Protein backbone atom coordinates (compact mmCIF):
# COMPACT_ATOMS: atom_id res chain seq x y z
CA MET A 1 4.74 3.84 -58.66
CA VAL A 2 4.04 6.84 -56.39
CA ASP A 3 1.78 9.54 -57.82
CA SER A 4 3.85 12.62 -56.97
CA ALA A 5 0.91 15.03 -57.65
CA GLU A 6 -1.37 13.17 -55.28
CA LEU A 7 1.35 12.98 -52.63
CA GLU A 8 2.03 16.71 -52.93
CA GLN A 9 -1.66 17.45 -52.48
CA LEU A 10 -1.74 15.39 -49.27
CA ARG A 11 1.31 17.15 -47.95
CA GLU A 12 -0.16 20.50 -48.73
CA ARG A 13 -3.31 19.50 -46.82
CA ILE A 14 -1.24 18.40 -43.82
CA ASP A 15 0.65 21.69 -43.87
CA ALA A 16 -2.67 23.58 -43.87
CA LEU A 17 -4.00 21.45 -41.03
CA ASP A 18 -0.78 22.06 -39.02
CA ALA A 19 -1.15 25.80 -39.45
CA GLU A 20 -4.79 25.62 -38.28
CA LEU A 21 -3.79 23.43 -35.30
CA LEU A 22 -1.16 25.97 -34.30
CA ARG A 23 -3.66 28.84 -34.59
CA LEU A 24 -6.22 27.00 -32.43
CA LEU A 25 -3.65 25.99 -29.84
CA ASN A 26 -2.58 29.59 -29.33
CA GLU A 27 -6.24 30.65 -29.27
CA ARG A 28 -6.82 28.15 -26.49
CA ALA A 29 -3.72 29.46 -24.64
CA ARG A 30 -5.07 33.04 -24.89
CA CYS A 31 -8.37 31.86 -23.42
CA ALA A 32 -6.48 30.25 -20.51
CA VAL A 33 -4.72 33.59 -19.82
CA GLU A 34 -8.09 35.34 -19.86
CA VAL A 35 -9.49 32.73 -17.43
CA ALA A 36 -6.61 33.51 -15.06
CA THR A 37 -7.33 37.26 -15.29
CA VAL A 38 -11.01 36.72 -14.46
CA LYS A 39 -10.16 34.38 -11.54
CA ARG A 40 -7.72 36.94 -10.04
CA ARG A 41 -10.24 39.72 -10.46
CA GLN A 42 -12.84 37.69 -8.63
CA GLY A 43 -10.44 36.69 -5.87
CA GLY A 44 -10.10 33.08 -6.94
CA GLU A 45 -7.08 31.12 -5.78
CA ALA A 46 -7.48 27.64 -7.26
CA PHE A 47 -6.32 27.74 -10.89
CA TYR A 48 -6.05 23.96 -11.14
CA ARG A 49 -9.40 22.25 -10.84
CA PRO A 50 -9.12 18.43 -10.70
CA GLU A 51 -12.73 17.79 -11.68
CA ARG A 52 -12.50 20.20 -14.66
CA GLU A 53 -9.36 18.52 -16.06
CA ALA A 54 -10.74 14.99 -15.49
CA GLY A 55 -13.95 15.94 -17.23
CA ILE A 56 -12.15 17.34 -20.27
CA LEU A 57 -9.93 14.27 -20.65
CA ARG A 58 -12.88 11.94 -20.24
CA GLN A 59 -14.84 13.86 -22.82
CA VAL A 60 -11.91 13.78 -25.24
CA ARG A 61 -11.64 10.03 -24.90
CA GLU A 62 -15.36 9.52 -25.43
CA GLN A 63 -15.60 11.79 -28.44
CA ASN A 64 -12.50 10.41 -30.15
CA THR A 65 -13.38 8.64 -33.39
CA GLY A 66 -9.81 7.61 -34.39
CA PRO A 67 -7.63 6.66 -36.10
CA LEU A 68 -5.58 7.99 -33.12
CA PRO A 69 -6.18 5.67 -30.11
CA GLY A 70 -7.87 7.09 -27.07
CA ASP A 71 -4.75 6.88 -24.88
CA ALA A 72 -2.77 8.86 -27.39
CA VAL A 73 -5.38 11.59 -27.66
CA VAL A 74 -5.59 11.88 -23.85
CA ARG A 75 -1.78 12.28 -23.63
CA LEU A 76 -1.80 15.00 -26.27
CA PHE A 77 -4.57 16.93 -24.51
CA ARG A 78 -2.89 16.47 -21.15
CA GLU A 79 0.20 18.24 -22.44
CA ILE A 80 -1.93 20.97 -24.08
CA MET A 81 -3.74 21.58 -20.77
CA SER A 82 -0.41 21.47 -18.83
CA GLU A 83 1.12 24.15 -21.04
CA CYS A 84 -2.01 26.35 -20.82
CA LEU A 85 -2.25 25.96 -17.10
CA ALA A 86 1.40 27.05 -16.81
CA LEU A 87 0.40 30.35 -18.43
CA GLU A 88 -2.23 30.81 -15.71
CA GLU A 89 -0.11 29.76 -12.77
CA PRO A 90 2.99 27.51 -12.89
CA LEU A 91 2.35 24.50 -10.68
CA VAL A 92 4.94 23.13 -8.27
CA VAL A 93 4.36 19.43 -7.61
CA ALA A 94 6.34 17.45 -5.02
CA PHE A 95 6.78 13.70 -5.42
CA LEU A 96 8.66 10.77 -3.92
CA GLY A 97 12.01 11.02 -5.73
CA PRO A 98 14.63 11.12 -6.98
CA GLU A 99 13.95 11.45 -10.69
CA GLY A 100 13.25 8.19 -12.46
CA THR A 101 10.91 6.67 -9.85
CA PHE A 102 7.47 5.36 -10.79
CA THR A 103 6.07 8.22 -8.69
CA ASP A 104 7.93 10.59 -11.07
CA LEU A 105 6.31 8.86 -14.04
CA ALA A 106 2.88 9.06 -12.40
CA THR A 107 3.40 12.78 -11.63
CA ARG A 108 4.27 13.56 -15.20
CA LYS A 109 1.31 11.48 -16.46
CA HIS A 110 -1.10 13.48 -14.32
CA PHE A 111 0.30 17.01 -14.47
CA GLY A 112 2.20 17.02 -17.81
CA GLN A 113 5.64 18.32 -18.66
CA ALA A 114 4.93 21.99 -17.94
CA ALA A 115 4.59 21.52 -14.18
CA THR A 116 7.67 22.19 -12.02
CA LEU A 117 8.44 18.85 -10.41
CA GLN A 118 10.19 18.66 -7.05
CA PRO A 119 11.67 15.27 -6.09
CA LEU A 120 11.87 14.60 -2.32
CA VAL A 121 13.48 11.86 -0.31
CA SER A 122 10.45 10.50 1.63
CA ILE A 123 6.70 10.35 1.65
CA ASP A 124 6.65 12.43 4.86
CA SER A 125 8.64 15.20 3.13
CA VAL A 126 6.12 15.30 0.28
CA PHE A 127 3.32 15.88 2.76
CA ARG A 128 5.37 18.56 4.58
CA GLU A 129 6.21 20.35 1.38
CA VAL A 130 2.61 20.68 0.37
CA GLU A 131 1.42 21.52 3.89
CA SER A 132 3.92 24.41 4.00
CA GLY A 133 2.70 25.81 0.72
CA ARG A 134 6.09 25.47 -1.03
CA ALA A 135 4.39 22.98 -3.42
CA HIS A 136 0.82 23.24 -4.70
CA PHE A 137 0.35 19.46 -4.86
CA GLY A 138 2.09 16.25 -4.07
CA VAL A 139 2.03 12.70 -5.51
CA VAL A 140 2.53 9.67 -3.33
CA PRO A 141 1.99 5.90 -3.84
CA ILE A 142 -0.92 4.38 -2.01
CA GLU A 143 -1.31 0.72 -3.14
CA ASN A 144 0.03 -1.89 -5.49
CA SER A 145 -2.07 -4.60 -7.08
CA THR A 146 0.40 -7.27 -5.96
CA GLU A 147 1.74 -6.14 -2.59
CA GLY A 148 -1.18 -4.08 -1.27
CA VAL A 149 -1.31 -0.79 0.60
CA VAL A 150 1.67 1.55 1.22
CA THR A 151 1.28 1.90 4.92
CA HIS A 152 3.56 4.90 5.24
CA THR A 153 1.21 6.98 3.09
CA VAL A 154 -1.83 5.89 5.10
CA ASP A 155 -0.10 6.81 8.31
CA CYS A 156 0.72 10.28 7.06
CA PHE A 157 -2.96 11.05 6.69
CA LEU A 158 -3.54 10.47 10.39
CA GLU A 159 -2.11 13.90 11.26
CA SER A 160 -2.04 15.76 7.97
CA PRO A 161 -4.72 18.39 7.04
CA LEU A 162 -4.20 17.71 3.35
CA LEU A 163 -6.93 16.37 1.05
CA ILE A 164 -6.83 13.78 -1.67
CA CYS A 165 -7.82 15.55 -4.89
CA GLY A 166 -6.88 13.04 -7.55
CA GLU A 167 -5.51 9.58 -8.28
CA VAL A 168 -3.25 8.03 -10.92
CA ILE A 169 -3.17 4.40 -12.06
CA LEU A 170 0.22 3.36 -13.54
CA PRO A 171 1.12 -0.07 -14.95
CA VAL A 172 4.44 -0.96 -13.42
CA GLN A 173 7.18 -2.74 -15.37
CA HIS A 174 10.32 -3.49 -13.34
CA HIS A 175 13.74 -3.82 -14.98
CA LEU A 176 17.05 -4.88 -13.54
CA LEU A 177 19.57 -2.02 -14.10
CA SER A 178 23.26 -2.12 -13.51
CA ARG A 179 26.74 -1.13 -14.69
CA CYS A 180 27.57 -4.86 -14.80
CA GLU A 181 27.91 -6.43 -18.19
CA ARG A 182 26.51 -9.85 -17.14
CA LEU A 183 23.74 -10.97 -14.81
CA GLU A 184 26.07 -13.36 -12.97
CA ASP A 185 28.27 -10.39 -11.97
CA VAL A 186 25.50 -8.84 -9.83
CA ARG A 187 26.12 -9.38 -6.09
CA LEU A 188 23.73 -6.78 -4.67
CA VAL A 189 20.17 -5.75 -5.72
CA MET A 190 18.67 -2.57 -4.36
CA ALA A 191 15.09 -1.40 -4.59
CA HIS A 192 12.13 -0.14 -2.61
CA PRO A 193 10.75 -2.97 -0.42
CA GLN A 194 7.59 -3.16 -2.50
CA ALA A 195 9.60 -3.53 -5.69
CA LEU A 196 11.72 -6.29 -4.16
CA ALA A 197 8.57 -8.07 -3.07
CA GLN A 198 6.98 -7.67 -6.53
CA CYS A 199 10.02 -9.38 -8.12
CA ARG A 200 10.64 -11.93 -5.42
CA GLN A 201 10.10 -15.07 -7.59
CA TRP A 202 12.36 -13.76 -10.36
CA LEU A 203 15.12 -12.87 -7.90
CA ASP A 204 14.87 -16.25 -6.20
CA ARG A 205 15.23 -17.98 -9.54
CA GLU A 206 17.78 -15.80 -11.34
CA LEU A 207 19.87 -14.19 -8.52
CA PRO A 208 19.47 -16.49 -5.48
CA GLY A 209 22.84 -15.54 -4.08
CA ALA A 210 22.64 -11.79 -4.43
CA GLU A 211 22.11 -9.59 -1.36
CA ARG A 212 18.86 -7.66 -1.34
CA ARG A 213 18.91 -4.22 0.20
CA HIS A 214 16.01 -1.82 0.81
CA ALA A 215 16.06 1.74 -0.60
CA SER A 216 13.63 4.59 0.06
CA SER A 217 12.76 4.62 -3.64
CA ASN A 218 13.67 2.78 -6.85
CA GLY A 219 15.09 6.01 -8.24
CA LEU A 220 17.49 6.23 -5.32
CA ALA A 221 18.41 2.63 -5.77
CA ALA A 222 19.29 3.26 -9.43
CA GLN A 223 21.33 6.34 -8.42
CA ASN A 224 23.29 4.25 -5.90
CA ALA A 225 23.76 1.36 -8.33
CA ALA A 226 25.38 3.69 -10.77
CA GLY A 227 28.19 4.27 -8.31
CA THR A 228 28.50 0.82 -6.74
CA ALA A 229 30.50 -2.02 -8.26
CA GLY A 230 28.59 -5.29 -8.54
CA ALA A 231 25.27 -3.60 -7.72
CA ALA A 232 22.01 -3.55 -9.60
CA ALA A 233 18.70 -1.75 -9.03
CA ILE A 234 15.14 -2.64 -9.75
CA ALA A 235 13.66 0.45 -11.48
CA SER A 236 12.11 1.86 -14.64
CA ASP A 237 13.64 2.33 -18.04
CA ALA A 238 13.47 6.10 -17.34
CA ALA A 239 15.81 5.53 -14.41
CA ALA A 240 18.20 3.58 -16.64
CA GLU A 241 18.41 6.54 -19.00
CA ARG A 242 18.65 9.05 -16.14
CA TYR A 243 21.49 7.33 -14.31
CA GLY A 244 23.40 5.83 -17.27
CA LEU A 245 22.67 2.16 -16.47
CA GLN A 246 22.11 -0.70 -18.86
CA VAL A 247 19.05 -2.99 -18.66
CA LEU A 248 20.26 -6.49 -17.76
CA ALA A 249 16.73 -7.96 -17.64
CA GLN A 250 13.34 -6.54 -18.67
CA ASN A 251 9.90 -7.01 -17.04
CA ILE A 252 11.09 -9.04 -14.03
CA GLU A 253 7.87 -8.42 -12.00
CA ASP A 254 6.22 -11.63 -10.94
CA ARG A 255 2.83 -10.59 -12.34
CA GLY A 256 2.34 -9.14 -15.80
CA ASP A 257 -0.69 -7.06 -14.62
CA ASN A 258 1.36 -5.32 -11.90
CA THR A 259 -0.16 -1.86 -11.29
CA THR A 260 0.35 0.88 -8.72
CA ARG A 261 -2.14 3.48 -7.65
CA PHE A 262 -0.94 7.01 -6.63
CA LEU A 263 -2.75 9.80 -4.85
CA VAL A 264 -2.60 13.52 -5.59
CA ILE A 265 -2.63 15.45 -2.33
CA GLY A 266 -3.27 19.17 -1.87
CA ARG A 267 -5.51 21.77 -0.27
CA VAL A 268 -8.13 21.78 -3.03
CA GLU A 269 -11.56 20.12 -2.66
CA ALA A 270 -12.41 18.43 -5.93
CA GLY A 271 -15.92 18.89 -7.29
CA ARG A 272 -18.23 16.22 -8.59
CA THR A 273 -17.62 14.57 -11.96
CA GLY A 274 -20.11 11.69 -11.74
CA ARG A 275 -17.21 9.17 -11.62
CA ASP A 276 -15.68 9.84 -8.24
CA ARG A 277 -14.11 8.10 -5.30
CA THR A 278 -14.13 9.10 -1.60
CA SER A 279 -11.53 8.16 1.02
CA ILE A 280 -12.16 8.45 4.71
CA MET A 281 -10.59 7.40 8.03
CA LEU A 282 -12.71 5.95 10.86
CA SER A 283 -12.13 4.74 14.41
CA THR A 284 -14.35 3.13 16.98
CA ALA A 285 -14.08 1.53 20.37
CA ASN A 286 -12.72 -2.05 20.45
CA ARG A 287 -15.94 -3.95 21.25
CA PRO A 288 -17.86 -6.83 19.67
CA GLY A 289 -19.60 -5.76 16.44
CA SER A 290 -18.01 -2.31 16.28
CA LEU A 291 -16.59 -2.73 12.81
CA PHE A 292 -19.86 -4.18 11.57
CA GLY A 293 -21.60 -1.10 12.97
CA LEU A 294 -19.25 1.12 11.02
CA LEU A 295 -19.76 -0.69 7.77
CA LYS A 296 -23.58 -1.14 8.06
CA PRO A 297 -24.50 2.44 6.86
CA ILE A 298 -22.27 1.99 3.74
CA ALA A 299 -23.99 -1.30 2.90
CA GLU A 300 -27.49 0.12 3.61
CA ALA A 301 -26.85 3.07 1.29
CA GLY A 302 -25.85 0.73 -1.56
CA ILE A 303 -22.39 2.28 -1.80
CA SER A 304 -19.57 0.17 -3.27
CA LEU A 305 -16.72 -0.18 -0.83
CA THR A 306 -13.44 -0.66 -2.75
CA ARG A 307 -10.85 -0.79 0.08
CA ILE A 308 -10.58 -1.12 3.82
CA GLU A 309 -7.29 -1.15 5.72
CA SER A 310 -6.54 -1.03 9.41
CA ARG A 311 -3.62 0.88 10.93
CA PRO A 312 -2.51 1.37 14.54
CA SER A 313 -3.95 4.57 15.95
CA ARG A 314 -0.61 5.62 17.51
CA CYS A 315 -2.51 6.69 20.57
CA VAL A 316 -3.37 3.52 22.51
CA ASN A 317 -1.86 0.09 22.04
CA TRP A 318 -4.11 -2.23 19.99
CA ASP A 319 -6.47 0.61 18.99
CA TYR A 320 -6.93 0.89 15.24
CA VAL A 321 -7.99 3.36 12.56
CA PHE A 322 -9.67 2.16 9.40
CA PHE A 323 -8.89 3.62 6.00
CA LEU A 324 -11.75 3.22 3.50
CA ASP A 325 -12.28 3.95 -0.17
CA PHE A 326 -15.69 3.83 -1.76
CA ILE A 327 -17.32 4.90 -4.99
CA GLY A 328 -19.12 8.28 -5.04
CA HIS A 329 -18.64 11.94 -4.09
CA ARG A 330 -19.24 13.42 -0.65
CA ASP A 331 -21.81 15.76 -2.24
CA ASP A 332 -23.82 12.88 -3.71
CA THR A 333 -27.08 12.52 -1.79
CA ALA A 334 -26.54 8.91 -0.80
CA VAL A 335 -22.90 9.48 0.19
CA ALA A 336 -23.72 12.62 2.21
CA ALA A 337 -26.37 10.73 4.17
CA CYS A 338 -23.95 7.83 4.77
CA LEU A 339 -21.26 10.09 6.02
CA GLU A 340 -23.67 11.76 8.43
CA ALA A 341 -24.63 8.28 9.80
CA LEU A 342 -21.00 7.39 10.13
CA ARG A 343 -20.31 10.62 11.97
CA GLU A 344 -22.92 9.67 14.58
CA SER A 345 -21.69 6.04 15.02
CA ALA A 346 -17.93 6.43 14.85
CA ASP A 347 -15.65 7.76 17.51
CA MET A 348 -13.73 9.61 14.76
CA LEU A 349 -14.46 10.35 11.14
CA LYS A 350 -12.00 12.15 8.92
CA ILE A 351 -12.95 12.77 5.27
CA LEU A 352 -9.73 12.64 3.29
CA GLY A 353 -11.33 13.80 0.07
CA SER A 354 -13.58 13.06 -2.84
CA TYR A 355 -11.85 13.06 -6.21
CA PRO A 356 -12.22 11.93 -9.83
CA GLN A 357 -11.50 8.23 -10.44
CA ALA A 358 -8.46 7.62 -12.60
CA ALA A 359 -9.02 6.27 -16.10
CA THR A 360 -7.56 2.81 -16.35
């Protein structure tokens, strides 16, 4: 039998805690407004500081004692920070759209619901929107754990002045969405090329006769599937809700640990957090041992290289530019010395940015 007196006491305690939470949330918001006033008075322009936000979220996770899980606490504080930042300066963030793409989900995960999100039709257009100043930041995919690097994003960095100031890691679960009632009625499957590749085995097994058609994004594929008889799209459950499609099959990715990494691009140089990553571009003459010569300073400095990709330079046939990620910040002593050595040995060195590592 429920003790009504004890239950009433607990409810009264929750009500009191809610009132205190509300008071503290508004006190935090007032502090954010005061921070904005001080920054403007001192001539500051960057209201969003990637290293500051990453540090707060990391600290919240480490200090959390439960019973709320760490991921839940981080999500709550992300939204609190997003709303407070909007009081300082509303952020406009461009991303590879339309709405319902995994890039959309990654953008919301990183910037929260208070940011003004601007879906665009291509990765190039995201770069252009941020370069023009019409958006403060952009979010673009860079690599998938199954299918590897997104070459279009790498190529955009060749000519763009933008910096990488953050990263987002997002587990990817692909669903087959359609207006069709039955799987056997699907004659066409649309998706981004990477999504089609990530679901290749499932499609071969379950829809061997269906045409597969590339789309610039999974969100656009879902949008098109909503208006095409016999069509289906590979996309997220958010896209199903957004475009009024039903989920014919869930989790059709070939690997259960399928994960995509996204980059936050902007004009802000992120400060050190102690858990950072640096991305650079290098080129050297095509001669024996040239790549070894580029990598040698990194190995000698004891720096952990996490990715290396080669892309055509677009200048001379069979000349290549190397895209590298490694652990550390450009202001770290060892990394700074390594970059100086690379600058001396490489024909070209472009530092794309040092930024906080995403929490996995």
